Amino acid sequence: MTFFKSFIARLGQILALYGGWGLLGISFLDSSFVPLPGLNDLVLIHLSAQNPARAAFYAIASTLGSVAGSYVMYFLARGGAKLLAKRLASPVVQRARAWLERNDFASLLVASLLPPPSPYKFFLLAAGALRINALRFGTALLVGRGLRFAAAAYLGARYGLQAEAYLKGNIVWVSLLVAFLVIVWTMIYRKLSTRAVPNPSNQVPGA
């Protein structure tokens, strides 16, 4: 286990030397098989602080790598769902599936905004196992990861290496606040949408 952790740390250090392409690799690995919690954000801030003109490129590379890595987990779970067909047919799982299908975009968006050690990969596996629409899956992650990494890149470009200390001390609270706002917005939007749908029982026959 110690060797594995040391290998992962060394791998992250090597990838960090390759700028935006290294960020793409780090975010891909972190969202798929190899856990590199928090490394992407720190490297993103560091590179953006050194070269503010390329901050947008670094944010885009991080986002695309993370979404690509997430799709690996999604399709693995989706393919493995056939082996768990009986368990997925249980009432509890079906209720979870119904809830996730109704709130798939918001759930994945919130999960993609939260920092480690949030159960991000759990949502990826659940979305794949429950066969959530692949396009909505990717769109939600693209928005969520894009916002998160864009914010980190901006902090690095605007405040330099001081942003790294700020991130370490405040990312949890900032991410939770953003996630809370997303949840509230989703609930309000759903309620307004429900009210906007006309009730057939209130319509006059033949009108």
N, C-alpha and C. Protein backbone atom coordinates (compact mmCIF):
# COMPACT_ATOMS: atom_id res chain seq x y z
N MET A 1 0.83 -1.21 0.00
CA MET A 1 0.00 0.00 0.00
C MET A 1 0.87 1.26 0.00
N THR A 2 1.95 1.25 0.78
CA THR A 2 2.84 2.40 0.83
C THR A 2 3.49 2.64 -0.52
N PHE A 3 3.92 1.54 -1.17
CA PHE A 3 4.52 1.65 -2.49
C PHE A 3 3.53 2.23 -3.48
N PHE A 4 2.26 1.78 -3.39
CA PHE A 4 1.23 2.26 -4.32
C PHE A 4 1.01 3.75 -4.14
N LYS A 5 0.92 4.20 -2.90
CA LYS A 5 0.72 5.63 -2.64
C LYS A 5 1.92 6.44 -3.13
N SER A 6 3.11 5.90 -2.91
CA SER A 6 4.32 6.59 -3.36
C SER A 6 4.36 6.68 -4.89
N PHE A 7 3.94 5.61 -5.53
CA PHE A 7 3.92 5.59 -7.00
C PHE A 7 2.93 6.61 -7.54
N ILE A 8 1.75 6.68 -6.92
CA ILE A 8 0.74 7.64 -7.36
C ILE A 8 1.23 9.08 -7.18
N ALA A 9 1.86 9.34 -6.03
CA ALA A 9 2.38 10.68 -5.77
C ALA A 9 3.44 11.05 -6.80
N ARG A 10 4.31 10.11 -7.10
CA ARG A 10 5.37 10.36 -8.08
C ARG A 10 4.78 10.58 -9.48
N LEU A 11 3.77 9.79 -9.81
CA LEU A 11 3.11 9.94 -11.11
C LEU A 11 2.48 11.32 -11.24
N GLY A 12 1.83 11.78 -10.17
CA GLY A 12 1.24 13.11 -10.19
C GLY A 12 2.28 14.20 -10.36
N GLN A 13 3.43 14.04 -9.71
CA GLN A 13 4.50 15.03 -9.83
C GLN A 13 5.04 15.09 -11.26
N ILE A 14 5.17 13.92 -11.88
CA ILE A 14 5.67 13.88 -13.26
C ILE A 14 4.69 14.54 -14.22
N LEU A 15 3.41 14.21 -14.08
CA LEU A 15 2.40 14.79 -14.97
C LEU A 15 2.32 16.30 -14.80
N ALA A 16 2.54 16.78 -13.59
CA ALA A 16 2.44 18.21 -13.32
C ALA A 16 3.48 19.00 -14.09
N LEU A 17 4.55 18.34 -14.54
CA LEU A 17 5.61 19.02 -15.27
C LEU A 17 5.22 19.34 -16.71
N TYR A 18 4.12 18.74 -17.19
CA TYR A 18 3.74 18.88 -18.59
C TYR A 18 2.62 19.88 -18.82
N GLY A 19 2.45 20.79 -17.90
CA GLY A 19 1.51 21.89 -18.09
C GLY A 19 0.08 21.43 -18.30
N GLY A 20 -0.57 22.02 -19.30
CA GLY A 20 -1.98 21.72 -19.55
C GLY A 20 -2.21 20.26 -19.89
N TRP A 21 -1.31 19.67 -20.67
CA TRP A 21 -1.49 18.26 -21.02
C TRP A 21 -1.32 17.37 -19.80
N GLY A 22 -0.44 17.77 -18.89
CA GLY A 22 -0.30 17.03 -17.64
C GLY A 22 -1.55 17.14 -16.79
N LEU A 23 -2.17 18.34 -16.79
CA LEU A 23 -3.42 18.54 -16.06
C LEU A 23 -4.52 17.64 -16.62
N LEU A 24 -4.55 17.52 -17.94
CA LEU A 24 -5.55 16.66 -18.56
C LEU A 24 -5.36 15.22 -18.09
N GLY A 25 -4.09 14.77 -18.02
CA GLY A 25 -3.81 13.42 -17.55
C GLY A 25 -4.15 13.23 -16.08
N ILE A 26 -3.82 14.22 -15.26
CA ILE A 26 -4.11 14.12 -13.82
C ILE A 26 -5.61 14.03 -13.57
N SER A 27 -6.37 14.91 -14.22
CA SER A 27 -7.81 14.92 -14.01
C SER A 27 -8.47 13.66 -14.56
N PHE A 28 -7.93 13.14 -15.67
CA PHE A 28 -8.46 11.88 -16.23
C PHE A 28 -8.25 10.73 -15.26
N LEU A 29 -7.05 10.60 -14.74
CA LEU A 29 -6.74 9.50 -13.82
C LEU A 29 -7.54 9.64 -12.52
N ASP A 30 -7.64 10.87 -12.01
CA ASP A 30 -8.33 11.08 -10.74
C ASP A 30 -9.81 10.75 -10.85
N SER A 31 -10.41 10.97 -12.02
CA SER A 31 -11.84 10.69 -12.20
C SER A 31 -12.09 9.25 -12.61
N SER A 32 -11.03 8.50 -12.91
CA SER A 32 -11.23 7.12 -13.34
C SER A 32 -10.61 6.15 -12.33
N PHE A 33 -9.41 5.65 -12.59
CA PHE A 33 -8.87 4.56 -11.79
C PHE A 33 -7.95 4.97 -10.66
N VAL A 34 -7.19 6.04 -10.86
CA VAL A 34 -6.12 6.39 -9.92
C VAL A 34 -6.53 7.60 -9.09
N PRO A 35 -6.65 7.44 -7.77
CA PRO A 35 -7.06 8.58 -6.94
C PRO A 35 -5.92 9.57 -6.73
N LEU A 36 -6.16 10.81 -7.14
CA LEU A 36 -5.21 11.91 -6.93
C LEU A 36 -5.96 13.08 -6.30
N PRO A 37 -6.54 12.89 -5.13
CA PRO A 37 -7.45 13.89 -4.54
C PRO A 37 -6.78 15.24 -4.30
N GLY A 38 -7.40 16.27 -4.87
CA GLY A 38 -6.94 17.63 -4.64
C GLY A 38 -5.75 18.06 -5.47
N LEU A 39 -5.03 17.12 -6.08
CA LEU A 39 -3.82 17.47 -6.83
C LEU A 39 -4.14 18.34 -8.03
N ASN A 40 -5.23 18.02 -8.73
CA ASN A 40 -5.58 18.77 -9.93
C ASN A 40 -5.80 20.25 -9.60
N ASP A 41 -6.53 20.52 -8.52
CA ASP A 41 -6.81 21.92 -8.16
C ASP A 41 -5.53 22.68 -7.83
N LEU A 42 -4.64 22.03 -7.08
CA LEU A 42 -3.40 22.69 -6.67
C LEU A 42 -2.49 22.95 -7.87
N VAL A 43 -2.35 21.97 -8.76
CA VAL A 43 -1.51 22.15 -9.95
C VAL A 43 -2.13 23.20 -10.86
N LEU A 44 -3.45 23.19 -10.97
CA LEU A 44 -4.15 24.17 -11.80
C LEU A 44 -3.90 25.59 -11.31
N ILE A 45 -3.99 25.79 -10.02
CA ILE A 45 -3.74 27.12 -9.45
C ILE A 45 -2.27 27.51 -9.65
N HIS A 46 -1.38 26.56 -9.42
CA HIS A 46 0.05 26.85 -9.56
C HIS A 46 0.40 27.27 -10.99
N LEU A 47 -0.08 26.53 -11.97
CA LEU A 47 0.21 26.85 -13.37
C LEU A 47 -0.45 28.16 -13.79
N SER A 48 -1.68 28.39 -13.33
CA SER A 48 -2.37 29.64 -13.67
C SER A 48 -1.67 30.84 -13.06
N ALA A 49 -1.09 30.65 -11.88
CA ALA A 49 -0.36 31.74 -11.24
C ALA A 49 0.92 32.05 -12.00
N GLN A 50 1.58 31.02 -12.54
CA GLN A 50 2.82 31.23 -13.28
C GLN A 50 2.56 31.82 -14.67
N ASN A 51 1.44 31.44 -15.27
CA ASN A 51 1.14 31.90 -16.62
C ASN A 51 -0.35 32.24 -16.73
N PRO A 52 -0.77 33.40 -16.23
CA PRO A 52 -2.19 33.78 -16.23
C PRO A 52 -2.83 33.77 -17.61
N ALA A 53 -2.06 34.03 -18.65
CA ALA A 53 -2.61 34.07 -20.01
C ALA A 53 -3.11 32.71 -20.46
N ARG A 54 -2.62 31.64 -19.86
CA ARG A 54 -3.02 30.29 -20.24
C ARG A 54 -3.97 29.66 -19.23
N ALA A 55 -4.48 30.47 -18.31
CA ALA A 55 -5.36 29.94 -17.26
C ALA A 55 -6.60 29.27 -17.84
N ALA A 56 -7.18 29.88 -18.89
CA ALA A 56 -8.38 29.31 -19.51
C ALA A 56 -8.07 27.95 -20.13
N PHE A 57 -6.91 27.84 -20.76
CA PHE A 57 -6.50 26.56 -21.35
C PHE A 57 -6.34 25.49 -20.27
N TYR A 58 -5.74 25.86 -19.14
CA TYR A 58 -5.55 24.92 -18.05
C TYR A 58 -6.90 24.44 -17.49
N ALA A 59 -7.85 25.37 -17.37
CA ALA A 59 -9.17 25.01 -16.86
C ALA A 59 -9.89 24.07 -17.83
N ILE A 60 -9.78 24.35 -19.12
CA ILE A 60 -10.43 23.51 -20.13
C ILE A 60 -9.81 22.11 -20.14
N ALA A 61 -8.48 22.05 -20.06
CA ALA A 61 -7.80 20.75 -20.04
C ALA A 61 -8.23 19.92 -18.83
N SER A 62 -8.32 20.57 -17.68
CA SER A 62 -8.75 19.87 -16.47
C SER A 62 -10.18 19.36 -16.61
N THR A 63 -11.04 20.18 -17.17
CA THR A 63 -12.44 19.81 -17.33
C THR A 63 -12.60 18.63 -18.29
N LEU A 64 -11.96 18.71 -19.45
CA LEU A 64 -12.08 17.64 -20.43
C LEU A 64 -11.49 16.33 -19.92
N GLY A 65 -10.37 16.41 -19.22
CA GLY A 65 -9.78 15.20 -18.66
C GLY A 65 -10.67 14.56 -17.63
N SER A 66 -11.27 15.38 -16.78
CA SER A 66 -12.15 14.86 -15.74
C SER A 66 -13.40 14.22 -16.32
N VAL A 67 -14.01 14.87 -17.30
CA VAL A 67 -15.22 14.32 -17.92
C VAL A 67 -14.89 13.01 -18.65
N ALA A 68 -13.76 12.97 -19.34
CA ALA A 68 -13.36 11.75 -20.04
C ALA A 68 -13.14 10.60 -19.06
N GLY A 69 -12.46 10.88 -17.96
CA GLY A 69 -12.25 9.86 -16.94
C GLY A 69 -13.55 9.40 -16.30
N SER A 70 -14.47 10.32 -16.14
CA SER A 70 -15.77 9.98 -15.55
C SER A 70 -16.56 9.05 -16.46
N TYR A 71 -16.44 9.26 -17.77
CA TYR A 71 -17.12 8.38 -18.72
C TYR A 71 -16.57 6.95 -18.66
N VAL A 72 -15.30 6.80 -18.34
CA VAL A 72 -14.73 5.46 -18.18
C VAL A 72 -15.46 4.72 -17.06
N MET A 73 -15.62 5.38 -15.91
CA MET A 73 -16.32 4.76 -14.79
C MET A 73 -17.79 4.52 -15.13
N TYR A 74 -18.39 5.46 -15.83
CA TYR A 74 -19.81 5.34 -16.21
C TYR A 74 -20.04 4.12 -17.07
N PHE A 75 -19.23 3.94 -18.11
CA PHE A 75 -19.45 2.82 -19.03
C PHE A 75 -19.05 1.48 -18.41
N LEU A 76 -18.08 1.50 -17.51
CA LEU A 76 -17.76 0.26 -16.79
C LEU A 76 -18.95 -0.19 -15.95
N ALA A 77 -19.54 0.75 -15.23
CA ALA A 77 -20.70 0.42 -14.40
C ALA A 77 -21.90 0.05 -15.26
N ARG A 78 -22.04 0.72 -16.38
CA ARG A 78 -23.17 0.42 -17.27
C ARG A 78 -23.05 -0.98 -17.85
N GLY A 79 -21.84 -1.38 -18.23
CA GLY A 79 -21.63 -2.72 -18.74
C GLY A 79 -21.78 -3.77 -17.66
N GLY A 80 -21.29 -3.47 -16.45
CA GLY A 80 -21.40 -4.42 -15.35
C GLY A 80 -22.80 -4.55 -14.80
N ALA A 81 -23.68 -3.61 -15.17
CA ALA A 81 -25.06 -3.66 -14.66
C ALA A 81 -25.77 -4.93 -15.11
N LYS A 82 -25.36 -5.48 -16.25
CA LYS A 82 -25.99 -6.71 -16.74
C LYS A 82 -25.74 -7.87 -15.79
N LEU A 83 -24.57 -7.86 -15.15
CA LEU A 83 -24.23 -8.92 -14.22
C LEU A 83 -24.99 -8.79 -12.91
N LEU A 84 -25.50 -7.59 -12.66
CA LEU A 84 -26.23 -7.34 -11.40
C LEU A 84 -27.71 -7.07 -11.67
N ALA A 85 -28.22 -7.63 -12.75
CA ALA A 85 -29.59 -7.34 -13.17
C ALA A 85 -30.60 -7.67 -12.08
N LYS A 86 -30.43 -8.79 -11.39
CA LYS A 86 -31.38 -9.20 -10.36
C LYS A 86 -31.37 -8.22 -9.19
N ARG A 87 -30.18 -7.82 -8.77
CA ARG A 87 -30.09 -6.88 -7.65
C ARG A 87 -30.64 -5.51 -8.03
N LEU A 88 -30.41 -5.11 -9.27
CA LEU A 88 -30.91 -3.82 -9.72
C LEU A 88 -32.43 -3.79 -9.85
N ALA A 89 -33.04 -4.99 -9.85
CA ALA A 89 -34.50 -5.06 -9.98
C ALA A 89 -35.20 -4.96 -8.63
N SER A 90 -34.47 -4.88 -7.55
CA SER A 90 -35.08 -4.81 -6.23
C SER A 90 -35.84 -3.49 -6.07
N PRO A 91 -36.88 -3.47 -5.22
CA PRO A 91 -37.68 -2.24 -5.04
C PRO A 91 -36.86 -1.05 -4.58
N VAL A 92 -35.88 -1.30 -3.69
CA VAL A 92 -35.06 -0.20 -3.18
C VAL A 92 -34.26 0.44 -4.30
N VAL A 93 -33.63 -0.40 -5.13
CA VAL A 93 -32.83 0.12 -6.23
C VAL A 93 -33.71 0.83 -7.25
N GLN A 94 -34.91 0.30 -7.48
CA GLN A 94 -35.81 0.92 -8.43
C GLN A 94 -36.27 2.30 -7.96
N ARG A 95 -36.48 2.43 -6.65
CA ARG A 95 -36.84 3.75 -6.11
C ARG A 95 -35.67 4.72 -6.26
N ALA A 96 -34.44 4.21 -6.00
CA ALA A 96 -33.26 5.05 -6.16
C ALA A 96 -33.09 5.46 -7.62
N ARG A 97 -33.39 4.51 -8.51
CA ARG A 97 -33.27 4.82 -9.94
C ARG A 97 -34.29 5.87 -10.35
N ALA A 98 -35.51 5.74 -9.85
CA ALA A 98 -36.55 6.72 -10.19
C ALA A 98 -36.16 8.11 -9.69
N TRP A 99 -35.60 8.17 -8.48
CA TRP A 99 -35.19 9.47 -7.93
C TRP A 99 -34.05 10.05 -8.75
N LEU A 100 -33.05 9.22 -9.08
CA LEU A 100 -31.90 9.71 -9.82
C LEU A 100 -32.28 10.13 -11.23
N GLU A 101 -33.24 9.42 -11.83
CA GLU A 101 -33.68 9.79 -13.17
C GLU A 101 -34.41 11.13 -13.17
N ARG A 102 -35.14 11.41 -12.09
CA ARG A 102 -35.84 12.70 -11.99
C ARG A 102 -34.87 13.84 -11.69
N ASN A 103 -33.79 13.50 -10.99
CA ASN A 103 -32.86 14.55 -10.55
C ASN A 103 -31.44 14.28 -11.03
N ASP A 104 -31.31 13.59 -12.17
CA ASP A 104 -29.98 13.18 -12.62
C ASP A 104 -29.05 14.35 -12.86
N PHE A 105 -29.53 15.37 -13.55
CA PHE A 105 -28.67 16.49 -13.90
C PHE A 105 -28.20 17.24 -12.64
N ALA A 106 -29.15 17.55 -11.76
CA ALA A 106 -28.80 18.29 -10.54
C ALA A 106 -27.89 17.48 -9.64
N SER A 107 -28.16 16.17 -9.51
CA SER A 107 -27.34 15.32 -8.63
C SER A 107 -25.90 15.26 -9.11
N LEU A 108 -25.72 15.04 -10.41
CA LEU A 108 -24.37 14.96 -10.96
C LEU A 108 -23.68 16.32 -10.96
N LEU A 109 -24.45 17.36 -11.16
CA LEU A 109 -23.88 18.71 -11.12
C LEU A 109 -23.33 19.02 -9.74
N VAL A 110 -24.13 18.72 -8.71
CA VAL A 110 -23.69 18.96 -7.33
C VAL A 110 -22.46 18.11 -7.01
N ALA A 111 -22.50 16.83 -7.39
CA ALA A 111 -21.37 15.93 -7.12
C ALA A 111 -20.09 16.42 -7.78
N SER A 112 -20.20 16.98 -8.97
CA SER A 112 -19.01 17.44 -9.70
C SER A 112 -18.44 18.73 -9.12
N LEU A 113 -19.24 19.44 -8.33
CA LEU A 113 -18.77 20.68 -7.72
C LEU A 113 -18.07 20.45 -6.39
N LEU A 114 -18.41 19.35 -5.71
CA LEU A 114 -17.88 19.13 -4.37
C LEU A 114 -16.43 18.68 -4.41
N PRO A 115 -15.64 19.14 -3.44
CA PRO A 115 -14.21 18.77 -3.39
C PRO A 115 -14.03 17.41 -2.72
N PRO A 116 -12.84 16.81 -2.84
CA PRO A 116 -12.57 15.57 -2.11
C PRO A 116 -12.61 15.85 -0.61
N PRO A 117 -13.03 14.89 0.20
CA PRO A 117 -13.29 13.47 -0.15
C PRO A 117 -14.77 13.17 -0.43
N SER A 118 -15.44 13.99 -1.21
CA SER A 118 -16.84 13.72 -1.54
C SER A 118 -16.93 12.43 -2.37
N PRO A 119 -18.06 11.71 -2.28
CA PRO A 119 -18.20 10.42 -3.00
C PRO A 119 -18.51 10.62 -4.48
N TYR A 120 -17.63 11.33 -5.17
CA TYR A 120 -17.86 11.66 -6.57
C TYR A 120 -18.00 10.40 -7.43
N LYS A 121 -17.11 9.45 -7.24
CA LYS A 121 -17.14 8.26 -8.09
C LYS A 121 -18.36 7.38 -7.82
N PHE A 122 -18.92 7.50 -6.62
CA PHE A 122 -20.15 6.77 -6.34
C PHE A 122 -21.26 7.22 -7.28
N PHE A 123 -21.35 8.52 -7.50
CA PHE A 123 -22.38 9.04 -8.41
C PHE A 123 -22.11 8.59 -9.85
N LEU A 124 -20.84 8.52 -10.23
CA LEU A 124 -20.50 8.06 -11.58
C LEU A 124 -20.93 6.61 -11.77
N LEU A 125 -20.62 5.78 -10.79
CA LEU A 125 -20.96 4.36 -10.88
C LEU A 125 -22.47 4.16 -10.83
N ALA A 126 -23.13 4.93 -9.97
CA ALA A 126 -24.60 4.80 -9.86
C ALA A 126 -25.27 5.22 -11.16
N ALA A 127 -24.77 6.29 -11.76
CA ALA A 127 -25.35 6.76 -13.02
C ALA A 127 -25.17 5.73 -14.12
N GLY A 128 -24.02 5.07 -14.15
CA GLY A 128 -23.79 4.05 -15.15
C GLY A 128 -24.62 2.81 -14.91
N ALA A 129 -24.66 2.34 -13.66
CA ALA A 129 -25.41 1.13 -13.33
C ALA A 129 -26.90 1.31 -13.57
N LEU A 130 -27.40 2.52 -13.33
CA LEU A 130 -28.82 2.79 -13.52
C LEU A 130 -29.12 3.29 -14.94
N ARG A 131 -28.10 3.31 -15.78
CA ARG A 131 -28.26 3.68 -17.19
C ARG A 131 -28.88 5.06 -17.40
N ILE A 132 -28.36 6.03 -16.63
CA ILE A 132 -28.77 7.41 -16.83
C ILE A 132 -28.32 7.86 -18.22
N ASN A 133 -29.10 8.70 -18.86
CA ASN A 133 -28.80 9.17 -20.20
C ASN A 133 -27.36 9.68 -20.29
N ALA A 134 -26.58 9.13 -21.24
CA ALA A 134 -25.16 9.44 -21.34
C ALA A 134 -24.91 10.90 -21.70
N LEU A 135 -25.78 11.50 -22.51
CA LEU A 135 -25.60 12.90 -22.89
C LEU A 135 -25.84 13.83 -21.71
N ARG A 136 -26.91 13.58 -20.96
CA ARG A 136 -27.19 14.40 -19.77
C ARG A 136 -26.09 14.21 -18.73
N PHE A 137 -25.59 13.00 -18.62
CA PHE A 137 -24.49 12.69 -17.72
C PHE A 137 -23.28 13.58 -18.04
N GLY A 138 -22.88 13.58 -19.30
CA GLY A 138 -21.73 14.37 -19.71
C GLY A 138 -21.95 15.86 -19.60
N THR A 139 -23.15 16.31 -19.92
CA THR A 139 -23.46 17.74 -19.85
C THR A 139 -23.39 18.26 -18.42
N ALA A 140 -23.95 17.49 -17.49
CA ALA A 140 -23.92 17.89 -16.08
C ALA A 140 -22.49 17.98 -15.57
N LEU A 141 -21.67 17.01 -15.92
CA LEU A 141 -20.28 17.03 -15.47
C LEU A 141 -19.50 18.14 -16.15
N LEU A 142 -19.79 18.39 -17.40
CA LEU A 142 -19.10 19.46 -18.12
C LEU A 142 -19.37 20.82 -17.47
N VAL A 143 -20.62 21.04 -17.07
CA VAL A 143 -20.97 22.29 -16.41
C VAL A 143 -20.35 22.37 -15.03
N GLY A 144 -20.53 21.31 -14.23
CA GLY A 144 -20.03 21.31 -12.86
C GLY A 144 -18.52 21.38 -12.78
N ARG A 145 -17.83 20.50 -13.49
CA ARG A 145 -16.37 20.50 -13.48
C ARG A 145 -15.83 21.79 -14.11
N GLY A 146 -16.52 22.26 -15.16
CA GLY A 146 -16.08 23.49 -15.80
C GLY A 146 -16.11 24.68 -14.84
N LEU A 147 -17.20 24.79 -14.07
CA LEU A 147 -17.31 25.88 -13.09
C LEU A 147 -16.24 25.76 -12.01
N ARG A 148 -16.04 24.55 -11.53
CA ARG A 148 -15.07 24.35 -10.45
C ARG A 148 -13.66 24.69 -10.90
N PHE A 149 -13.25 24.17 -12.05
CA PHE A 149 -11.88 24.40 -12.50
C PHE A 149 -11.68 25.82 -13.02
N ALA A 150 -12.73 26.41 -13.57
CA ALA A 150 -12.63 27.81 -14.00
C ALA A 150 -12.40 28.72 -12.80
N ALA A 151 -13.08 28.42 -11.69
CA ALA A 151 -12.91 29.21 -10.47
C ALA A 151 -11.49 29.06 -9.93
N ALA A 152 -10.97 27.83 -9.93
CA ALA A 152 -9.61 27.60 -9.44
C ALA A 152 -8.58 28.31 -10.33
N ALA A 153 -8.78 28.24 -11.65
CA ALA A 153 -7.86 28.91 -12.57
C ALA A 153 -7.91 30.42 -12.38
N TYR A 154 -9.10 30.96 -12.18
CA TYR A 154 -9.23 32.40 -11.96
C TYR A 154 -8.51 32.83 -10.69
N LEU A 155 -8.68 32.05 -9.62
CA LEU A 155 -8.00 32.39 -8.37
C LEU A 155 -6.49 32.39 -8.54
N GLY A 156 -5.98 31.39 -9.28
CA GLY A 156 -4.55 31.33 -9.50
C GLY A 156 -4.05 32.50 -10.33
N ALA A 157 -4.77 32.83 -11.40
CA ALA A 157 -4.36 33.92 -12.27
C ALA A 157 -4.49 35.28 -11.58
N ARG A 158 -5.50 35.42 -10.73
CA ARG A 158 -5.79 36.71 -10.10
C ARG A 158 -4.94 36.94 -8.85
N TYR A 159 -4.78 35.92 -8.03
CA TYR A 159 -4.14 36.11 -6.73
C TYR A 159 -2.80 35.37 -6.61
N GLY A 160 -2.40 34.67 -7.67
CA GLY A 160 -1.11 34.00 -7.62
C GLY A 160 -1.10 32.83 -6.65
N LEU A 161 0.06 32.56 -6.10
CA LEU A 161 0.20 31.40 -5.22
C LEU A 161 -0.54 31.58 -3.90
N GLN A 162 -0.95 32.80 -3.57
CA GLN A 162 -1.75 33.01 -2.37
C GLN A 162 -3.08 32.28 -2.46
N ALA A 163 -3.54 32.06 -3.71
CA ALA A 163 -4.81 31.37 -3.91
C ALA A 163 -4.73 29.92 -3.44
N GLU A 164 -3.53 29.35 -3.46
CA GLU A 164 -3.38 27.95 -3.02
C GLU A 164 -3.74 27.81 -1.54
N ALA A 165 -3.26 28.76 -0.73
CA ALA A 165 -3.58 28.73 0.70
C ALA A 165 -5.06 28.98 0.92
N TYR A 166 -5.62 29.90 0.12
CA TYR A 166 -7.05 30.18 0.23
C TYR A 166 -7.88 28.95 -0.13
N LEU A 167 -7.45 28.25 -1.18
CA LEU A 167 -8.18 27.06 -1.61
C LEU A 167 -8.18 26.00 -0.53
N LYS A 168 -7.03 25.78 0.07
CA LYS A 168 -6.92 24.75 1.11
C LYS A 168 -7.83 25.07 2.29
N GLY A 169 -7.94 26.35 2.61
CA GLY A 169 -8.71 26.71 3.79
C GLY A 169 -10.20 26.92 3.55
N ASN A 170 -10.61 27.14 2.29
CA ASN A 170 -12.00 27.53 2.05
C ASN A 170 -12.73 26.74 0.98
N ILE A 171 -12.05 25.85 0.26
CA ILE A 171 -12.71 25.18 -0.85
C ILE A 171 -13.91 24.35 -0.42
N VAL A 172 -13.82 23.75 0.76
CA VAL A 172 -14.94 22.93 1.24
C VAL A 172 -16.18 23.78 1.42
N TRP A 173 -16.03 24.92 2.12
CA TRP A 173 -17.19 25.76 2.39
C TRP A 173 -17.72 26.42 1.12
N VAL A 174 -16.83 26.85 0.26
CA VAL A 174 -17.26 27.47 -1.00
C VAL A 174 -18.00 26.46 -1.87
N SER A 175 -17.46 25.25 -1.96
CA SER A 175 -18.09 24.21 -2.78
C SER A 175 -19.45 23.81 -2.21
N LEU A 176 -19.54 23.70 -0.89
CA LEU A 176 -20.82 23.37 -0.26
C LEU A 176 -21.85 24.46 -0.50
N LEU A 177 -21.41 25.71 -0.45
CA LEU A 177 -22.32 26.82 -0.70
C LEU A 177 -22.85 26.77 -2.12
N VAL A 178 -21.95 26.56 -3.08
CA VAL A 178 -22.37 26.48 -4.48
C VAL A 178 -23.32 25.31 -4.69
N ALA A 179 -22.99 24.15 -4.09
CA ALA A 179 -23.85 22.97 -4.22
C ALA A 179 -25.23 23.24 -3.62
N PHE A 180 -25.26 23.94 -2.49
CA PHE A 180 -26.54 24.29 -1.86
C PHE A 180 -27.37 25.19 -2.76
N LEU A 181 -26.72 26.15 -3.39
CA LEU A 181 -27.44 27.06 -4.29
C LEU A 181 -27.99 26.30 -5.50
N VAL A 182 -27.22 25.32 -5.99
CA VAL A 182 -27.69 24.51 -7.12
C VAL A 182 -28.93 23.72 -6.73
N ILE A 183 -28.90 23.14 -5.53
CA ILE A 183 -30.04 22.35 -5.06
C ILE A 183 -31.28 23.23 -4.91
N VAL A 184 -31.09 24.41 -4.30
CA VAL A 184 -32.23 25.33 -4.11
C VAL A 184 -32.78 25.77 -5.46
N TRP A 185 -31.89 26.10 -6.38
CA TRP A 185 -32.33 26.52 -7.72
C TRP A 185 -33.11 25.40 -8.39
N THR A 186 -32.65 24.17 -8.26
CA THR A 186 -33.33 23.03 -8.88
C THR A 186 -34.72 22.84 -8.31
N MET A 187 -34.84 22.96 -6.99
CA MET A 187 -36.15 22.80 -6.34
C MET A 187 -37.12 23.89 -6.77
N ILE A 188 -36.62 25.13 -6.84
CA ILE A 188 -37.47 26.24 -7.26
C ILE A 188 -37.90 26.07 -8.71
N TYR A 189 -36.94 25.70 -9.56
CA TYR A 189 -37.25 25.50 -10.98
C TYR A 189 -38.27 24.39 -11.17
N ARG A 190 -38.10 23.28 -10.43
CA ARG A 190 -39.04 22.17 -10.55
C ARG A 190 -40.44 22.58 -10.10
N LYS A 191 -40.51 23.36 -9.02
CA LYS A 191 -41.80 23.78 -8.50
C LYS A 191 -42.50 24.72 -9.47
N LEU A 192 -41.75 25.66 -10.04
CA LEU A 192 -42.33 26.59 -11.00
C LEU A 192 -42.76 25.87 -12.27
N SER A 193 -41.97 24.87 -12.69
CA SER A 193 -42.33 24.11 -13.89
C SER A 193 -43.61 23.32 -13.67
N THR A 194 -43.77 22.77 -12.46
CA THR A 194 -44.98 22.01 -12.15
C THR A 194 -46.21 22.91 -12.17
N ARG A 195 -46.06 24.12 -11.65
CA ARG A 195 -47.19 25.05 -11.65
C ARG A 195 -47.53 25.51 -13.06
N ALA A 196 -46.53 25.58 -13.91
CA ALA A 196 -46.75 26.07 -15.27
C ALA A 196 -47.48 25.05 -16.14
N VAL A 197 -47.46 23.77 -15.76
CA VAL A 197 -48.14 22.74 -16.55
C VAL A 197 -49.64 22.81 -16.26
N PRO A 198 -50.46 23.00 -17.25
CA PRO A 198 -51.90 23.09 -17.02
C PRO A 198 -52.49 21.78 -16.52
N ASN A 199 -53.40 21.90 -15.58
CA ASN A 199 -54.08 20.72 -15.05
C ASN A 199 -55.26 20.35 -15.92
N PRO A 200 -55.26 19.15 -16.54
CA PRO A 200 -56.36 18.76 -17.45
C PRO A 200 -57.73 18.81 -16.80
N SER A 201 -57.81 18.57 -15.49
CA SER A 201 -59.11 18.55 -14.80
C SER A 201 -59.74 19.92 -14.72
N ASN A 202 -58.89 20.97 -14.88
CA ASN A 202 -59.42 22.34 -14.80
C ASN A 202 -59.81 22.91 -16.14
N GLN A 203 -59.58 22.14 -17.22
CA GLN A 203 -59.91 22.63 -18.52
C GLN A 203 -61.39 22.38 -18.85
N VAL A 204 -61.98 23.33 -19.55
CA VAL A 204 -63.39 23.22 -19.92
C VAL A 204 -63.53 22.30 -21.14
N PRO A 205 -64.38 21.26 -21.05
CA PRO A 205 -64.54 20.34 -22.17
C PRO A 205 -64.98 21.09 -23.44
N GLY A 206 -64.36 20.74 -24.55
CA GLY A 206 -64.72 21.32 -25.82
C GLY A 206 -64.13 22.69 -26.06
N ALA A 207 -63.35 23.20 -25.07
CA ALA A 207 -62.78 24.54 -25.24
C ALA A 207 -61.65 24.50 -26.25
